[in-house]
Amino acid sequence: MAKFTIKRALGTLAASTALVATPFALGAGTANAASGNWDAVAQCESGGNWAINTGNGYYGGLQFSQSTWEAYGGSGTANNASREEQIRVAENVLAGQGVGAWPVCGQYL
């Protein structure tokens, strides 16, 4: 009887530990994947200049077209938006179009 109780207690402890540890492990990986590389994308797209407007039809550090910027929640133009606002819109674009929205620089995501 004692053997069964110890085995049961150890099983319960192991299961509880796994349930508690899993969200922390998943949360850390998700946070890094979602937001850790936008500076690298901006460096690739615009030399890291979040306010760039070269007249080529793409704006801001992540080089949004005006139609994409507006369709995914941006207002005004991307080059006049903060880095944080550009990243917020970029997260929406990433969710809708995937990394292909940045054909070369999407490799950093």
PDB file of N, CA and C in Angstrom:
ATOM      1  N   MET A   1       0.814  -1.200   0.000  1.00  0.00           N
ATOM      2  CA  MET A   1       0.000   0.000   0.000  1.00  0.00           C
ATOM      3  C   MET A   1       0.856   1.262   0.000  1.00  0.00           C
ATOM      4  N   ALA A   2       1.921   1.275   0.779  1.00  0.00           N
ATOM      5  CA  ALA A   2       2.801   2.435   0.831  1.00  0.00           C
ATOM      6  C   ALA A   2       3.465   2.673  -0.519  1.00  0.00           C
ATOM      7  N   LYS A   3       3.830   1.603  -1.196  1.00  0.00           N
ATOM      8  CA  LYS A   3       4.476   1.711  -2.493  1.00  0.00           C
ATOM      9  C   LYS A   3       3.540   2.404  -3.495  1.00  0.00           C
ATOM     10  N   PHE A   4       2.296   2.049  -3.489  1.00  0.00           N
ATOM     11  CA  PHE A   4       1.312   2.654  -4.374  1.00  0.00           C
ATOM     12  C   PHE A   4       1.162   4.143  -4.073  1.00  0.00           C
ATOM     13  N   THR A   5       1.136   4.514  -2.825  1.00  0.00           N
ATOM     14  CA  THR A   5       0.960   5.905  -2.422  1.00  0.00           C
ATOM     15  C   THR A   5       2.150   6.756  -2.855  1.00  0.00           C
ATOM     16  N   ILE A   6       3.362   6.254  -2.672  1.00  0.00           N
ATOM     17  CA  ILE A   6       4.555   6.998  -3.079  1.00  0.00           C
ATOM     18  C   ILE A   6       4.580   7.156  -4.595  1.00  0.00           C
ATOM     19  N   LYS A   7       4.278   6.089  -5.302  1.00  0.00           N
ATOM     20  CA  LYS A   7       4.262   6.132  -6.764  1.00  0.00           C
ATOM     21  C   LYS A   7       3.225   7.149  -7.251  1.00  0.00           C
ATOM     22  N   ARG A   8       2.079   7.131  -6.615  1.00  0.00           N
ATOM     23  CA  ARG A   8       1.010   8.048  -6.988  1.00  0.00           C
ATOM     24  C   ARG A   8       1.413   9.495  -6.700  1.00  0.00           C
ATOM     25  N   ALA A   9       2.024   9.722  -5.552  1.00  0.00           N
ATOM     26  CA  ALA A   9       2.457  11.070  -5.177  1.00  0.00           C
ATOM     27  C   ALA A   9       3.512  11.593  -6.145  1.00  0.00           C
ATOM     28  N   LEU A  10       4.455  10.751  -6.522  1.00  0.00           N
ATOM     29  CA  LEU A  10       5.495  11.163  -7.459  1.00  0.00           C
ATOM     30  C   LEU A  10       4.910  11.456  -8.834  1.00  0.00           C
ATOM     31  N   GLY A  11       3.953  10.656  -9.255  1.00  0.00           N
ATOM     32  CA  GLY A  11       3.294  10.891 -10.538  1.00  0.00           C
ATOM     33  C   GLY A  11       2.544  12.211 -10.547  1.00  0.00           C
ATOM     34  N   THR A  12       1.843  12.494  -9.464  1.00  0.00           N
ATOM     35  CA  THR A  12       1.104  13.749  -9.344  1.00  0.00           C
ATOM     36  C   THR A  12       2.057  14.937  -9.345  1.00  0.00           C
ATOM     37  N   LEU A  13       3.167  14.817  -8.622  1.00  0.00           N
ATOM     38  CA  LEU A  13       4.158  15.884  -8.572  1.00  0.00           C
ATOM     39  C   LEU A  13       4.744  16.140  -9.957  1.00  0.00           C
ATOM     40  N   ALA A  14       5.084  15.097 -10.672  1.00  0.00           N
ATOM     41  CA  ALA A  14       5.663  15.242 -12.013  1.00  0.00           C
ATOM     42  C   ALA A  14       4.672  15.907 -12.963  1.00  0.00           C
ATOM     43  N   ALA A  15       3.426  15.491 -12.913  1.00  0.00           N
ATOM     44  CA  ALA A  15       2.403  16.070 -13.782  1.00  0.00           C
ATOM     45  C   ALA A  15       2.179  17.541 -13.447  1.00  0.00           C
ATOM     46  N   SER A  16       2.139  17.870 -12.164  1.00  0.00           N
ATOM     47  CA  SER A  16       1.941  19.256 -11.741  1.00  0.00           C
ATOM     48  C   SER A  16       3.094  20.135 -12.192  1.00  0.00           C
ATOM     49  N   THR A  17       4.306  19.636 -12.051  1.00  0.00           N
ATOM     50  CA  THR A  17       5.481  20.397 -12.466  1.00  0.00           C
ATOM     51  C   THR A  17       5.446  20.658 -13.964  1.00  0.00           C
ATOM     52  N   ALA A  18       5.072  19.673 -14.742  1.00  0.00           N
ATOM     53  CA  ALA A  18       5.005  19.833 -16.196  1.00  0.00           C
ATOM     54  C   ALA A  18       3.958  20.871 -16.581  1.00  0.00           C
ATOM     55  N   LEU A  19       2.815  20.862 -15.926  1.00  0.00           N
ATOM     56  CA  LEU A  19       1.757  21.814 -16.237  1.00  0.00           C
ATOM     57  C   LEU A  19       2.155  23.237 -15.889  1.00  0.00           C
ATOM     58  N   VAL A  20       2.881  23.413 -14.806  1.00  0.00           N
ATOM     59  CA  VAL A  20       3.307  24.745 -14.392  1.00  0.00           C
ATOM     60  C   VAL A  20       4.438  25.245 -15.283  1.00  0.00           C
ATOM     61  N   ALA A  21       5.374  24.401 -15.645  1.00  0.00           N
ATOM     62  CA  ALA A  21       6.543  24.817 -16.417  1.00  0.00           C
ATOM     63  C   ALA A  21       6.216  25.090 -17.881  1.00  0.00           C
ATOM     64  N   THR A  22       5.263  24.390 -18.451  1.00  0.00           N
ATOM     65  CA  THR A  22       4.976  24.511 -19.879  1.00  0.00           C
ATOM     66  C   THR A  22       4.604  25.930 -20.306  1.00  0.00           C
ATOM     67  N   PRO A  23       3.688  26.637 -19.632  1.00  0.00           N
ATOM     68  CA  PRO A  23       3.360  27.990 -20.088  1.00  0.00           C
ATOM     69  C   PRO A  23       4.558  28.929 -20.071  1.00  0.00           C
ATOM     70  N   PHE A  24       5.437  28.785 -19.082  1.00  0.00           N
ATOM     71  CA  PHE A  24       6.601  29.656 -19.024  1.00  0.00           C
ATOM     72  C   PHE A  24       7.522  29.400 -20.204  1.00  0.00           C
ATOM     73  N   ALA A  25       7.742  28.161 -20.533  1.00  0.00           N
ATOM     74  CA  ALA A  25       8.620  27.817 -21.650  1.00  0.00           C
ATOM     75  C   ALA A  25       8.024  28.290 -22.969  1.00  0.00           C
ATOM     76  N   LEU A  26       6.737  28.091 -23.161  1.00  0.00           N
ATOM     77  CA  LEU A  26       6.090  28.511 -24.398  1.00  0.00           C
ATOM     78  C   LEU A  26       6.040  30.025 -24.507  1.00  0.00           C
ATOM     79  N   GLY A  27       5.751  30.701 -23.405  1.00  0.00           N
ATOM     80  CA  GLY A  27       5.659  32.154 -23.414  1.00  0.00           C
ATOM     81  C   GLY A  27       6.964  32.813 -23.793  1.00  0.00           C
ATOM     82  N   ALA A  28       8.065  32.329 -23.281  1.00  0.00           N
ATOM     83  CA  ALA A  28       9.356  32.937 -23.573  1.00  0.00           C
ATOM     84  C   ALA A  28       9.701  32.795 -25.051  1.00  0.00           C
ATOM     85  N   GLY A  29       9.461  31.645 -25.617  1.00  0.00           N
ATOM     86  CA  GLY A  29       9.774  31.425 -27.024  1.00  0.00           C
ATOM     87  C   GLY A  29       8.904  32.261 -27.936  1.00  0.00           C
ATOM     88  N   THR A  30       7.643  32.382 -27.613  1.00  0.00           N
ATOM     89  CA  THR A  30       6.717  33.148 -28.427  1.00  0.00           C
ATOM     90  C   THR A  30       7.072  34.623 -28.420  1.00  0.00           C
ATOM     91  N   ALA A  31       7.402  35.159 -27.262  1.00  0.00           N
ATOM     92  CA  ALA A  31       7.734  36.579 -27.172  1.00  0.00           C
ATOM     93  C   ALA A  31       8.951  36.908 -28.024  1.00  0.00           C
ATOM     94  N   ASN A  32       9.959  36.084 -27.984  1.00  0.00           N
ATOM     95  CA  ASN A  32      11.159  36.346 -28.768  1.00  0.00           C
ATOM     96  C   ASN A  32      10.881  36.222 -30.259  1.00  0.00           C
ATOM     97  N   ALA A  33      10.125  35.226 -30.641  1.00  0.00           N
ATOM     98  CA  ALA A  33       9.853  35.015 -32.059  1.00  0.00           C
ATOM     99  C   ALA A  33       8.992  36.141 -32.618  1.00  0.00           C
ATOM    100  N   ALA A  34       8.026  36.628 -31.846  1.00  0.00           N
ATOM    101  CA  ALA A  34       7.092  37.616 -32.333  1.00  0.00           C
ATOM    102  C   ALA A  34       7.696  38.999 -32.468  1.00  0.00           C
ATOM    103  N   SER A  35       8.542  39.409 -31.545  1.00  0.00           N
ATOM    104  CA  SER A  35       8.966  40.799 -31.555  1.00  0.00           C
ATOM    105  C   SER A  35      10.462  41.017 -31.518  1.00  0.00           C
ATOM    106  N   GLY A  36      11.256  39.983 -31.431  1.00  0.00           N
ATOM    107  CA  GLY A  36      12.682  40.171 -31.235  1.00  0.00           C
ATOM    108  C   GLY A  36      13.462  40.544 -32.472  1.00  0.00           C
ATOM    109  N   ASN A  37      12.868  40.441 -33.668  1.00  0.00           N
ATOM    110  CA  ASN A  37      13.670  40.604 -34.871  1.00  0.00           C
ATOM    111  C   ASN A  37      13.247  41.760 -35.781  1.00  0.00           C
ATOM    112  N   TRP A  38      12.326  42.589 -35.355  1.00  0.00           N
ATOM    113  CA  TRP A  38      11.883  43.683 -36.220  1.00  0.00           C
ATOM    114  C   TRP A  38      12.998  44.682 -36.488  1.00  0.00           C
ATOM    115  N   ASP A  39      13.888  44.883 -35.539  1.00  0.00           N
ATOM    116  CA  ASP A  39      15.019  45.779 -35.785  1.00  0.00           C
ATOM    117  C   ASP A  39      15.918  45.226 -36.890  1.00  0.00           C
ATOM    118  N   ALA A  40      16.097  43.909 -36.922  1.00  0.00           N
ATOM    119  CA  ALA A  40      16.903  43.286 -37.980  1.00  0.00           C
ATOM    120  C   ALA A  40      16.216  43.434 -39.335  1.00  0.00           C
ATOM    121  N   VAL A  41      14.896  43.292 -39.364  1.00  0.00           N
ATOM    122  CA  VAL A  41      14.158  43.478 -40.617  1.00  0.00           C
ATOM    123  C   VAL A  41      14.303  44.929 -41.079  1.00  0.00           C
ATOM    124  N   ALA A  42      14.155  45.872 -40.148  1.00  0.00           N
ATOM    125  CA  ALA A  42      14.295  47.290 -40.500  1.00  0.00           C
ATOM    126  C   ALA A  42      15.708  47.604 -40.988  1.00  0.00           C
ATOM    127  N   GLN A  43      16.694  47.007 -40.362  1.00  0.00           N
ATOM    128  CA  GLN A  43      18.078  47.220 -40.801  1.00  0.00           C
ATOM    129  C   GLN A  43      18.246  46.749 -42.246  1.00  0.00           C
ATOM    130  N   CYS A  44      17.668  45.620 -42.549  1.00  0.00           N
ATOM    131  CA  CYS A  44      17.734  45.045 -43.896  1.00  0.00           C
ATOM    132  C   CYS A  44      16.929  45.877 -44.902  1.00  0.00           C
ATOM    133  N   GLU A  45      15.727  46.299 -44.520  1.00  0.00           N
ATOM    134  CA  GLU A  45      14.825  47.008 -45.431  1.00  0.00           C
ATOM    135  C   GLU A  45      15.231  48.461 -45.670  1.00  0.00           C
ATOM    136  N   SER A  46      15.660  49.142 -44.602  1.00  0.00           N
ATOM    137  CA  SER A  46      15.819  50.602 -44.690  1.00  0.00           C
ATOM    138  C   SER A  46      17.090  51.118 -44.030  1.00  0.00           C
ATOM    139  N   GLY A  47      18.017  50.232 -43.748  1.00  0.00           N
ATOM    140  CA  GLY A  47      19.218  50.656 -43.031  1.00  0.00           C
ATOM    141  C   GLY A  47      18.921  51.035 -41.594  1.00  0.00           C
ATOM    142  N   GLY A  48      17.756  50.593 -41.093  1.00  0.00           N
ATOM    143  CA  GLY A  48      17.366  50.884 -39.714  1.00  0.00           C
ATOM    144  C   GLY A  48      16.753  52.259 -39.521  1.00  0.00           C
ATOM    145  N   ASN A  49      16.406  52.938 -40.608  1.00  0.00           N
ATOM    146  CA  ASN A  49      15.818  54.274 -40.541  1.00  0.00           C
ATOM    147  C   ASN A  49      14.300  54.146 -40.514  1.00  0.00           C
ATOM    148  N   TRP A  50      13.718  54.295 -39.333  1.00  0.00           N
ATOM    149  CA  TRP A  50      12.278  54.112 -39.159  1.00  0.00           C
ATOM    150  C   TRP A  50      11.468  55.250 -39.789  1.00  0.00           C
ATOM    151  N   ALA A  51      12.102  56.363 -40.132  1.00  0.00           N
ATOM    152  CA  ALA A  51      11.399  57.519 -40.695  1.00  0.00           C
ATOM    153  C   ALA A  51      11.680  57.701 -42.186  1.00  0.00           C
ATOM    154  N   ILE A  52      12.185  56.690 -42.848  1.00  0.00           N
ATOM    155  CA  ILE A  52      12.613  56.827 -44.245  1.00  0.00           C
ATOM    156  C   ILE A  52      11.431  56.957 -45.210  1.00  0.00           C
ATOM    157  N   ASN A  53      11.602  57.868 -46.176  1.00  0.00           N
ATOM    158  CA  ASN A  53      10.687  58.022 -47.305  1.00  0.00           C
ATOM    159  C   ASN A  53      11.553  58.414 -48.493  1.00  0.00           C
ATOM    160  N   THR A  54      11.914  57.445 -49.301  1.00  0.00           N
ATOM    161  CA  THR A  54      12.817  57.710 -50.427  1.00  0.00           C
ATOM    162  C   THR A  54      12.068  58.059 -51.707  1.00  0.00           C
ATOM    163  N   GLY A  55      10.734  58.003 -51.660  1.00  0.00           N
ATOM    164  CA  GLY A  55       9.949  58.295 -52.850  1.00  0.00           C
ATOM    165  C   GLY A  55       9.717  57.083 -53.742  1.00  0.00           C
ATOM    166  N   ASN A  56      10.053  55.893 -53.246  1.00  0.00           N
ATOM    167  CA  ASN A  56       9.882  54.674 -54.048  1.00  0.00           C
ATOM    168  C   ASN A  56       8.526  54.002 -53.839  1.00  0.00           C
ATOM    169  N   GLY A  57       7.644  54.628 -53.035  1.00  0.00           N
ATOM    170  CA  GLY A  57       6.324  54.052 -52.792  1.00  0.00           C
ATOM    171  C   GLY A  57       6.249  53.185 -51.547  1.00  0.00           C
ATOM    172  N   TYR A  58       7.349  53.073 -50.830  1.00  0.00           N
ATOM    173  CA  TYR A  58       7.398  52.304 -49.583  1.00  0.00           C
ATOM    174  C   TYR A  58       7.893  53.221 -48.476  1.00  0.00           C
ATOM    175  N   TYR A  59       7.315  53.045 -47.279  1.00  0.00           N
ATOM    176  CA  TYR A  59       7.534  54.010 -46.209  1.00  0.00           C
ATOM    177  C   TYR A  59       7.945  53.338 -44.903  1.00  0.00           C
ATOM    178  N   GLY A  60       8.748  54.050 -44.140  1.00  0.00           N
ATOM    179  CA  GLY A  60       9.108  53.612 -42.797  1.00  0.00           C
ATOM    180  C   GLY A  60      10.189  52.552 -42.778  1.00  0.00           C
ATOM    181  N   GLY A  61      10.556  52.180 -41.580  1.00  0.00           N
ATOM    182  CA  GLY A  61      11.640  51.233 -41.373  1.00  0.00           C
ATOM    183  C   GLY A  61      11.385  49.864 -41.955  1.00  0.00           C
ATOM    184  N   LEU A  62      10.116  49.483 -42.029  1.00  0.00           N
ATOM    185  CA  LEU A  62       9.773  48.151 -42.528  1.00  0.00           C
ATOM    186  C   LEU A  62       9.236  48.196 -43.955  1.00  0.00           C
ATOM    187  N   GLN A  63       9.304  49.390 -44.569  1.00  0.00           N
ATOM    188  CA  GLN A  63       8.975  49.597 -45.978  1.00  0.00           C
ATOM    189  C   GLN A  63       7.579  49.109 -46.351  1.00  0.00           C
ATOM    190  N   PHE A  64       6.580  49.772 -45.765  1.00  0.00           N
ATOM    191  CA  PHE A  64       5.184  49.472 -46.069  1.00  0.00           C
ATOM    192  C   PHE A  64       4.742  50.222 -47.316  1.00  0.00           C
ATOM    193  N   SER A  65       3.945  49.571 -48.170  1.00  0.00           N
ATOM    194  CA  SER A  65       3.215  50.330 -49.188  1.00  0.00           C
ATOM    195  C   SER A  65       2.067  51.015 -48.447  1.00  0.00           C
ATOM    196  N   GLN A  66       1.573  52.109 -48.984  1.00  0.00           N
ATOM    197  CA  GLN A  66       0.496  52.830 -48.307  1.00  0.00           C
ATOM    198  C   GLN A  66      -0.749  51.954 -48.160  1.00  0.00           C
ATOM    199  N   SER A  67      -1.059  51.172 -49.188  1.00  0.00           N
ATOM    200  CA  SER A  67      -2.265  50.337 -49.125  1.00  0.00           C
ATOM    201  C   SER A  67      -2.139  49.251 -48.050  1.00  0.00           C
ATOM    202  N   THR A  68      -0.979  48.648 -47.921  1.00  0.00           N
ATOM    203  CA  THR A  68      -0.776  47.632 -46.878  1.00  0.00           C
ATOM    204  C   THR A  68      -0.830  48.278 -45.504  1.00  0.00           C
ATOM    205  N   TRP A  69      -0.189  49.416 -45.368  1.00  0.00           N
ATOM    206  CA  TRP A  69      -0.172  50.144 -44.098  1.00  0.00           C
ATOM    207  C   TRP A  69      -1.598  50.407 -43.616  1.00  0.00           C
ATOM    208  N   GLU A  70      -2.443  50.915 -44.491  1.00  0.00           N
ATOM    209  CA  GLU A  70      -3.824  51.232 -44.122  1.00  0.00           C
ATOM    210  C   GLU A  70      -4.651  49.968 -43.892  1.00  0.00           C
ATOM    211  N   ALA A  71      -4.465  48.958 -44.742  1.00  0.00           N
ATOM    212  CA  ALA A  71      -5.251  47.723 -44.634  1.00  0.00           C
ATOM    213  C   ALA A  71      -5.001  46.980 -43.326  1.00  0.00           C
ATOM    214  N   TYR A  72      -3.815  47.144 -42.761  1.00  0.00           N
ATOM    215  CA  TYR A  72      -3.471  46.417 -41.543  1.00  0.00           C
ATOM    216  C   TYR A  72      -3.449  47.305 -40.302  1.00  0.00           C
ATOM    217  N   GLY A  73      -4.116  48.458 -40.378  1.00  0.00           N
ATOM    218  CA  GLY A  73      -4.357  49.239 -39.169  1.00  0.00           C
ATOM    219  C   GLY A  73      -3.528  50.484 -38.985  1.00  0.00           C
ATOM    220  N   GLY A  74      -2.724  50.859 -39.968  1.00  0.00           N
ATOM    221  CA  GLY A  74      -1.930  52.077 -39.841  1.00  0.00           C
ATOM    222  C   GLY A  74      -2.726  53.299 -40.250  1.00  0.00           C
ATOM    223  N   SER A  75      -2.358  54.452 -39.709  1.00  0.00           N
ATOM    224  CA  SER A  75      -2.972  55.704 -40.147  1.00  0.00           C
ATOM    225  C   SER A  75      -1.859  56.676 -40.513  1.00  0.00           C
ATOM    226  N   GLY A  76      -2.183  57.621 -41.385  1.00  0.00           N
ATOM    227  CA  GLY A  76      -1.139  58.505 -41.899  1.00  0.00           C
ATOM    228  C   GLY A  76      -0.204  57.691 -42.780  1.00  0.00           C
ATOM    229  N   THR A  77       1.086  57.948 -42.664  1.00  0.00           N
ATOM    230  CA  THR A  77       2.076  57.158 -43.398  1.00  0.00           C
ATOM    231  C   THR A  77       3.045  56.528 -42.409  1.00  0.00           C
ATOM    232  N   ALA A  78       3.596  55.405 -42.787  1.00  0.00           N
ATOM    233  CA  ALA A  78       4.474  54.653 -41.882  1.00  0.00           C
ATOM    234  C   ALA A  78       5.704  55.455 -41.483  1.00  0.00           C
ATOM    235  N   ASN A  79       6.253  56.244 -42.400  1.00  0.00           N
ATOM    236  CA  ASN A  79       7.461  56.999 -42.072  1.00  0.00           C
ATOM    237  C   ASN A  79       7.226  58.056 -40.998  1.00  0.00           C
ATOM    238  N   ASN A  80       5.977  58.449 -40.786  1.00  0.00           N
ATOM    239  CA  ASN A  80       5.648  59.409 -39.724  1.00  0.00           C
ATOM    240  C   ASN A  80       5.194  58.728 -38.439  1.00  0.00           C
ATOM    241  N   ALA A  81       5.102  57.417 -38.454  1.00  0.00           N
ATOM    242  CA  ALA A  81       4.660  56.655 -37.273  1.00  0.00           C
ATOM    243  C   ALA A  81       5.873  56.262 -36.431  1.00  0.00           C
ATOM    244  N   SER A  82       5.616  56.016 -35.168  1.00  0.00           N
ATOM    245  CA  SER A  82       6.692  55.568 -34.272  1.00  0.00           C
ATOM    246  C   SER A  82       7.137  54.153 -34.640  1.00  0.00           C
ATOM    247  N   ARG A  83       8.301  53.801 -34.170  1.00  0.00           N
ATOM    248  CA  ARG A  83       8.810  52.434 -34.336  1.00  0.00           C
ATOM    249  C   ARG A  83       7.795  51.432 -33.796  1.00  0.00           C
ATOM    250  N   GLU A  84       7.241  51.728 -32.626  1.00  0.00           N
ATOM    251  CA  GLU A  84       6.285  50.825 -31.978  1.00  0.00           C
ATOM    252  C   GLU A  84       5.031  50.648 -32.818  1.00  0.00           C
ATOM    253  N   GLU A  85       4.539  51.743 -33.402  1.00  0.00           N
ATOM    254  CA  GLU A  85       3.347  51.664 -34.260  1.00  0.00           C
ATOM    255  C   GLU A  85       3.650  50.852 -35.518  1.00  0.00           C
ATOM    256  N   GLN A  86       4.817  51.048 -36.090  1.00  0.00           N
ATOM    257  CA  GLN A  86       5.196  50.276 -37.273  1.00  0.00           C
ATOM    258  C   GLN A  86       5.277  48.784 -36.944  1.00  0.00           C
ATOM    259  N   ILE A  87       5.805  48.460 -35.783  1.00  0.00           N
ATOM    260  CA  ILE A  87       5.887  47.054 -35.377  1.00  0.00           C
ATOM    261  C   ILE A  87       4.492  46.486 -35.136  1.00  0.00           C
ATOM    262  N   ARG A  88       3.602  47.282 -34.541  1.00  0.00           N
ATOM    263  CA  ARG A  88       2.225  46.812 -34.312  1.00  0.00           C
ATOM    264  C   ARG A  88       1.562  46.454 -35.637  1.00  0.00           C
ATOM    265  N   VAL A  89       1.684  47.334 -36.620  1.00  0.00           N
ATOM    266  CA  VAL A  89       1.095  47.071 -37.932  1.00  0.00           C
ATOM    267  C   VAL A  89       1.803  45.888 -38.597  1.00  0.00           C
ATOM    268  N   ALA A  90       3.113  45.816 -38.456  1.00  0.00           N
ATOM    269  CA  ALA A  90       3.875  44.708 -39.045  1.00  0.00           C
ATOM    270  C   ALA A  90       3.448  43.363 -38.479  1.00  0.00           C
ATOM    271  N   GLU A  91       3.130  43.320 -37.189  1.00  0.00           N
ATOM    272  CA  GLU A  91       2.635  42.077 -36.586  1.00  0.00           C
ATOM    273  C   GLU A  91       1.326  41.660 -37.247  1.00  0.00           C
ATOM    274  N   ASN A  92       0.470  42.635 -37.563  1.00  0.00           N
ATOM    275  CA  ASN A  92      -0.783  42.340 -38.263  1.00  0.00           C
ATOM    276  C   ASN A  92      -0.508  41.827 -39.676  1.00  0.00           C
ATOM    277  N   VAL A  93       0.435  42.457 -40.360  1.00  0.00           N
ATOM    278  CA  VAL A  93       0.806  42.014 -41.710  1.00  0.00           C
ATOM    279  C   VAL A  93       1.376  40.601 -41.657  1.00  0.00           C
ATOM    280  N   LEU A  94       2.245  40.359 -40.697  1.00  0.00           N
ATOM    281  CA  LEU A  94       2.846  39.032 -40.547  1.00  0.00           C
ATOM    282  C   LEU A  94       1.772  37.971 -40.335  1.00  0.00           C
ATOM    283  N   ALA A  95       0.774  38.288 -39.505  1.00  0.00           N
ATOM    284  CA  ALA A  95      -0.316  37.340 -39.253  1.00  0.00           C
ATOM    285  C   ALA A  95      -1.142  37.097 -40.519  1.00  0.00           C
ATOM    286  N   GLY A  96      -1.310  38.132 -41.340  1.00  0.00           N
ATOM    287  CA  GLY A  96      -2.135  38.009 -42.537  1.00  0.00           C
ATOM    288  C   GLY A  96      -1.415  37.479 -43.765  1.00  0.00           C
ATOM    289  N   GLN A  97      -0.145  37.839 -43.921  1.00  0.00           N
ATOM    290  CA  GLN A  97       0.576  37.500 -45.152  1.00  0.00           C
ATOM    291  C   GLN A  97       1.770  36.582 -44.934  1.00  0.00           C
ATOM    292  N   GLY A  98       2.220  36.467 -43.710  1.00  0.00           N
ATOM    293  CA  GLY A  98       3.413  35.674 -43.440  1.00  0.00           C
ATOM    294  C   GLY A  98       4.680  36.441 -43.773  1.00  0.00           C
ATOM    295  N   VAL A  99       5.814  35.771 -43.639  1.00  0.00           N
ATOM    296  CA  VAL A  99       7.107  36.432 -43.853  1.00  0.00           C
ATOM    297  C   VAL A  99       7.320  36.842 -45.309  1.00  0.00           C
ATOM    298  N   GLY A 100       6.524  36.291 -46.219  1.00  0.00           N
ATOM    299  CA  GLY A 100       6.628  36.663 -47.624  1.00  0.00           C
ATOM    300  C   GLY A 100       6.321  38.125 -47.889  1.00  0.00           C
ATOM    301  N   ALA A 101       5.717  38.815 -46.931  1.00  0.00           N
ATOM    302  CA  ALA A 101       5.472  40.248 -47.078  1.00  0.00           C
ATOM    303  C   ALA A 101       6.795  41.011 -47.170  1.00  0.00           C
ATOM    304  N   TRP A 102       7.850  40.425 -46.646  1.00  0.00           N
ATOM    305  CA  TRP A 102       9.208  40.961 -46.733  1.00  0.00           C
ATOM    306  C   TRP A 102      10.051  39.882 -47.418  1.00  0.00           C
ATOM    307  N   PRO A 103      10.013  39.808 -48.763  1.00  0.00           N
ATOM    308  CA  PRO A 103      10.595  38.671 -49.487  1.00  0.00           C
ATOM    309  C   PRO A 103      12.066  38.383 -49.183  1.00  0.00           C
ATOM    310  N   VAL A 104      12.866  39.396 -48.992  1.00  0.00           N
ATOM    311  CA  VAL A 104      14.281  39.192 -48.682  1.00  0.00           C
ATOM    312  C   VAL A 104      14.504  39.262 -47.177  1.00  0.00           C
ATOM    313  N   CYS A 105      13.995  40.308 -46.560  1.00  0.00           N
ATOM    314  CA  CYS A 105      14.302  40.579 -45.155  1.00  0.00           C
ATOM    315  C   CYS A 105      13.451  39.778 -44.172  1.00  0.00           C
ATOM    316  N   GLY A 106      12.407  39.121 -44.663  1.00  0.00           N
ATOM    317  CA  GLY A 106      11.593  38.263 -43.807  1.00  0.00           C
ATOM    318  C   GLY A 106      12.377  37.115 -43.204  1.00  0.00           C
ATOM    319  N   GLN A 107      13.543  36.832 -43.740  1.00  0.00           N
ATOM    320  CA  GLN A 107      14.388  35.765 -43.192  1.00  0.00           C
ATOM    321  C   GLN A 107      14.785  36.033 -41.742  1.00  0.00           C
ATOM    322  N   TYR A 108      14.690  37.287 -41.296  1.00  0.00           N
ATOM    323  CA  TYR A 108      15.079  37.628 -39.928  1.00  0.00           C
ATOM    324  C   TYR A 108      13.961  37.404 -38.917  1.00  0.00           C
ATOM    325  N   LEU A 109      12.787  37.028 -39.408  1.00  0.00           N
ATOM    326  CA  LEU A 109      11.653  36.791 -38.495  1.00  0.00           C
ATOM    327  C   LEU A 109      11.594  35.342 -38.062  1.00  0.00           C
TER     328      LEU A 109
END
